[in-house]
Amino acid sequence: MTTRRSEGGSRYVYESFDAATARIEANERVAEERWTGLAYRLGLIEATLERLEKRIWIGVYGVAAFLMAQMAETVIQAAMR
């Protein structure tokens, strides 16, 4: 389908196609901005989850260290008897 204008006819016949194209392009730009925003927010969520994972592992290692210290104290007390 070509949109060449002929000498006759109404100019509004062709301008409706231009408006539709502009509307499609605007929707594509909006969709692209939404994807960019979504990717940014997902990046923030991933960074937050990584920090949370590090904190959880620090807690796990802390509990393990506490239990090892308790076990070492028990072994030392048993050896001194």
C-alpha atoms as a PDB file:
ATOM      1  CA  MET A   1       0.000   0.000   0.000  1.00  0.00           C
ATOM      2  CA  THR A   2       1.480   3.313  -0.977  1.00  0.00           C
ATOM      3  CA  THR A   3       0.624   6.625   0.562  1.00  0.00           C
ATOM      4  CA  ARG A   4       1.506   8.803  -2.414  1.00  0.00           C
ATOM      5  CA  ARG A   5      -0.765  11.719  -2.812  1.00  0.00           C
ATOM      6  CA  SER A   6      -2.481  12.260  -6.049  1.00  0.00           C
ATOM      7  CA  GLU A   7      -3.597  15.631  -7.281  1.00  0.00           C
ATOM      8  CA  GLY A   8      -7.196  14.939  -6.439  1.00  0.00           C
ATOM      9  CA  GLY A   9      -8.942  13.745  -3.321  1.00  0.00           C
ATOM     10  CA  SER A  10      -9.044  14.819   0.259  1.00  0.00           C
ATOM     11  CA  ARG A  11      -5.886  15.432   2.252  1.00  0.00           C
ATOM     12  CA  TYR A  12      -7.542  13.878   5.333  1.00  0.00           C
ATOM     13  CA  VAL A  13      -7.506  10.462   3.706  1.00  0.00           C
ATOM     14  CA  TYR A  14      -3.703  10.383   3.947  1.00  0.00           C
ATOM     15  CA  GLU A  15      -3.335  12.228   7.250  1.00  0.00           C
ATOM     16  CA  SER A  16      -5.263   9.515   9.081  1.00  0.00           C
ATOM     17  CA  PHE A  17      -2.479   7.078   8.188  1.00  0.00           C
ATOM     18  CA  ASP A  18       0.103   9.536   9.452  1.00  0.00           C
ATOM     19  CA  ALA A  19      -1.750   9.832  12.757  1.00  0.00           C
ATOM     20  CA  ALA A  20      -1.917   6.062  13.087  1.00  0.00           C
ATOM     21  CA  THR A  21       1.820   5.786  12.435  1.00  0.00           C
ATOM     22  CA  ALA A  22       2.543   8.497  14.991  1.00  0.00           C
ATOM     23  CA  ARG A  23       0.327   6.745  17.525  1.00  0.00           C
ATOM     24  CA  ILE A  24       2.120   3.433  16.950  1.00  0.00           C
ATOM     25  CA  GLU A  25       5.520   5.101  17.290  1.00  0.00           C
ATOM     26  CA  ALA A  26       4.430   6.804  20.510  1.00  0.00           C
ATOM     27  CA  ASN A  27       3.205   3.487  21.905  1.00  0.00           C
ATOM     28  CA  GLU A  28       6.509   1.867  20.965  1.00  0.00           C
ATOM     29  CA  ARG A  29       8.442   4.620  22.764  1.00  0.00           C
ATOM     30  CA  VAL A  30       6.253   4.211  25.844  1.00  0.00           C
ATOM     31  CA  ALA A  31       6.753   0.439  25.795  1.00  0.00           C
ATOM     32  CA  GLU A  32      10.521   0.903  25.468  1.00  0.00           C
ATOM     33  CA  GLU A  33      10.574   3.283  28.454  1.00  0.00           C
ATOM     34  CA  ARG A  34       8.534   0.814  30.475  1.00  0.00           C
ATOM     35  CA  TRP A  35      10.986  -1.998  29.654  1.00  0.00           C
ATOM     36  CA  THR A  36      13.892   0.257  30.615  1.00  0.00           C
ATOM     37  CA  GLY A  37      12.208   1.084  33.932  1.00  0.00           C
ATOM     38  CA  LEU A  38      11.446  -2.568  34.548  1.00  0.00           C
ATOM     39  CA  ALA A  39      15.041  -3.566  33.869  1.00  0.00           C
ATOM     40  CA  TYR A  40      16.253  -0.857  36.260  1.00  0.00           C
ATOM     41  CA  ARG A  41      13.902  -1.991  39.033  1.00  0.00           C
ATOM     42  CA  LEU A  42      14.856  -5.642  38.494  1.00  0.00           C
ATOM     43  CA  GLY A  43      18.504  -4.642  38.827  1.00  0.00           C
ATOM     44  CA  LEU A  44      17.737  -2.964  42.143  1.00  0.00           C
ATOM     45  CA  ILE A  45      15.856  -6.030  43.361  1.00  0.00           C
ATOM     46  CA  GLU A  46      18.742  -8.315  42.390  1.00  0.00           C
ATOM     47  CA  ALA A  47      21.240  -6.097  44.229  1.00  0.00           C
ATOM     48  CA  THR A  48      19.004  -6.092  47.320  1.00  0.00           C
ATOM     49  CA  LEU A  49      18.702  -9.886  47.218  1.00  0.00           C
ATOM     50  CA  GLU A  50      22.476 -10.249  46.962  1.00  0.00           C
ATOM     51  CA  ARG A  51      22.957  -8.026  50.027  1.00  0.00           C
ATOM     52  CA  LEU A  52      20.307 -10.012  51.892  1.00  0.00           C
ATOM     53  CA  GLU A  53      22.008 -13.282  50.967  1.00  0.00           C
ATOM     54  CA  LYS A  54      25.332 -11.982  52.304  1.00  0.00           C
ATOM     55  CA  ARG A  55      23.670 -10.987  55.580  1.00  0.00           C
ATOM     56  CA  ILE A  56      22.034 -14.384  55.924  1.00  0.00           C
ATOM     57  CA  TRP A  57      25.374 -16.157  55.391  1.00  0.00           C
ATOM     58  CA  ILE A  58      27.020 -13.906  57.981  1.00  0.00           C
ATOM     59  CA  GLY A  59      24.280 -14.944  60.409  1.00  0.00           C
ATOM     60  CA  VAL A  60      24.756 -18.619  59.606  1.00  0.00           C
ATOM     61  CA  TYR A  61      28.517 -18.358  60.097  1.00  0.00           C
ATOM     62  CA  GLY A  62      27.948 -16.468  63.364  1.00  0.00           C
ATOM     63  CA  VAL A  63      25.705 -19.213  64.728  1.00  0.00           C
ATOM     64  CA  ALA A  64      28.197 -21.869  63.603  1.00  0.00           C
ATOM     65  CA  ALA A  65      31.042 -19.983  65.315  1.00  0.00           C
ATOM     66  CA  PHE A  66      29.002 -19.697  68.519  1.00  0.00           C
ATOM     67  CA  LEU A  67      28.271 -23.426  68.511  1.00  0.00           C
ATOM     68  CA  MET A  68      31.924 -24.249  67.855  1.00  0.00           C
ATOM     69  CA  ALA A  69      32.948 -21.978  70.745  1.00  0.00           C
ATOM     70  CA  GLN A  70      30.455 -23.710  73.042  1.00  0.00           C
ATOM     71  CA  MET A  71      31.752 -27.096  71.957  1.00  0.00           C
ATOM     72  CA  ALA A  72      35.369 -26.014  72.512  1.00  0.00           C
ATOM     73  CA  GLU A  73      34.481 -24.701  75.989  1.00  0.00           C
ATOM     74  CA  THR A  74      32.806 -28.001  76.858  1.00  0.00           C
ATOM     75  CA  VAL A  75      35.815 -29.983  75.635  1.00  0.00           C
ATOM     76  CA  ILE A  76      38.226 -27.780  77.653  1.00  0.00           C
ATOM     77  CA  GLN A  77      36.117 -28.115  80.825  1.00  0.00           C
ATOM     78  CA  ALA A  78      35.933 -31.879  80.364  1.00  0.00           C
ATOM     79  CA  ALA A  79      39.731 -32.041  79.922  1.00  0.00           C
ATOM     80  CA  MET A  80      40.353 -30.054  83.112  1.00  0.00           C
ATOM     81  CA  ARG A  81      38.383 -32.446  85.308  1.00  0.00           C
END
